[in-house]
Amino acid sequence: MNLKALSITDLLNLMQDVASEIFEQSQNDFRERLVKNRIGKVDVQEVAIARDIQLAVDELNNKIDAARELFKETGKI
């Protein structure tokens, strides 16, 4: 994929898609570990890591949304 050929909107959409995929995969991995380890044996550190990943993806999505709005208003990011 030639990223230089994509429009700003397409790049922002791609970034958001990748962020969502990362978050979804981390959730799936975490759920698999919960099933394997049973809920009583949940590692507190893993819960914290999953939460941190979710917060990072949410923050990235917020920045992407802000960049979209700025692009709509000014045509620049």
Protein backbone atom coordinates (compact mmCIF):
# COMPACT_ATOMS: atom_id res chain seq x y z
CA MET A 1 0.00 0.00 0.00
CA ASN A 2 1.41 3.37 -1.00
CA LEU A 3 0.65 5.64 1.96
CA LYS A 4 1.81 8.71 0.06
CA ALA A 5 -1.00 8.21 -2.46
CA LEU A 6 -3.71 8.22 0.23
CA SER A 7 -5.67 11.31 1.14
CA ILE A 8 -5.49 12.72 4.67
CA THR A 9 -8.97 11.36 5.36
CA ASP A 10 -7.97 7.91 4.14
CA LEU A 11 -4.82 8.00 6.30
CA LEU A 12 -6.86 8.99 9.35
CA ASN A 13 -9.34 6.21 8.64
CA LEU A 14 -6.48 3.74 8.25
CA MET A 15 -4.94 4.86 11.54
CA GLN A 16 -8.26 4.46 13.31
CA ASP A 17 -8.77 1.00 11.79
CA VAL A 18 -5.32 -0.12 12.91
CA ALA A 19 -5.90 1.24 16.42
CA SER A 20 -9.21 -0.60 16.60
CA GLU A 21 -7.59 -3.83 15.40
CA ILE A 22 -4.87 -3.53 18.05
CA PHE A 23 -7.46 -2.97 20.76
CA GLU A 24 -9.68 -5.81 19.55
CA GLN A 25 -6.74 -8.22 19.42
CA SER A 26 -5.61 -7.25 22.91
CA GLN A 27 -9.15 -7.81 24.21
CA ASN A 28 -9.32 -11.21 22.52
CA ASP A 29 -5.92 -12.21 23.92
CA PHE A 30 -6.99 -11.11 27.39
CA ARG A 31 -10.28 -13.03 27.18
CA GLU A 32 -8.41 -16.17 26.10
CA ARG A 33 -6.11 -15.88 29.11
CA LEU A 34 -9.11 -15.39 31.40
CA VAL A 35 -10.69 -18.57 30.09
CA LYS A 36 -7.45 -20.53 30.41
CA ASN A 37 -6.59 -19.24 33.89
CA ARG A 38 -10.15 -19.06 35.20
CA ILE A 39 -11.40 -15.77 36.54
CA GLY A 40 -10.18 -16.49 40.09
CA LYS A 41 -6.57 -16.46 38.91
CA VAL A 42 -6.61 -13.19 36.97
CA ASP A 43 -3.26 -11.47 37.08
CA VAL A 44 -3.73 -7.90 38.28
CA GLN A 45 -0.87 -6.78 36.06
CA GLU A 46 -2.61 -8.18 32.97
CA VAL A 47 -5.79 -6.29 33.88
CA ALA A 48 -3.77 -3.09 34.22
CA ILE A 49 -2.06 -3.68 30.86
CA ALA A 50 -5.39 -4.31 29.14
CA ARG A 51 -6.76 -1.11 30.67
CA ASP A 52 -3.69 0.86 29.58
CA ILE A 53 -4.04 -0.45 26.02
CA GLN A 54 -7.69 0.55 25.97
CA LEU A 55 -6.87 4.04 27.26
CA ALA A 56 -4.08 4.45 24.68
CA VAL A 57 -6.36 3.40 21.83
CA ASP A 58 -9.10 5.72 23.09
CA GLU A 59 -6.60 8.59 23.24
CA LEU A 60 -5.38 7.81 19.72
CA ASN A 61 -8.96 7.75 18.44
CA ASN A 62 -9.60 11.13 20.09
CA LYS A 63 -6.50 12.58 18.41
CA ILE A 64 -7.58 11.14 15.05
CA ASP A 65 -11.03 12.68 15.48
CA ALA A 66 -9.46 16.04 16.38
CA ALA A 67 -7.21 15.83 13.31
CA ARG A 68 -10.26 15.11 11.16
CA GLU A 69 -12.06 18.16 12.52
CA LEU A 70 -9.00 20.35 11.99
CA PHE A 71 -8.67 19.05 8.43
CA LYS A 72 -12.34 19.80 7.75
CA GLU A 73 -11.89 23.36 9.06
CA THR A 74 -8.52 24.25 7.58
CA GLY A 75 -7.60 21.64 4.99
CA LYS A 76 -4.41 21.04 7.01
CA ILE A 77 -3.43 18.97 10.01
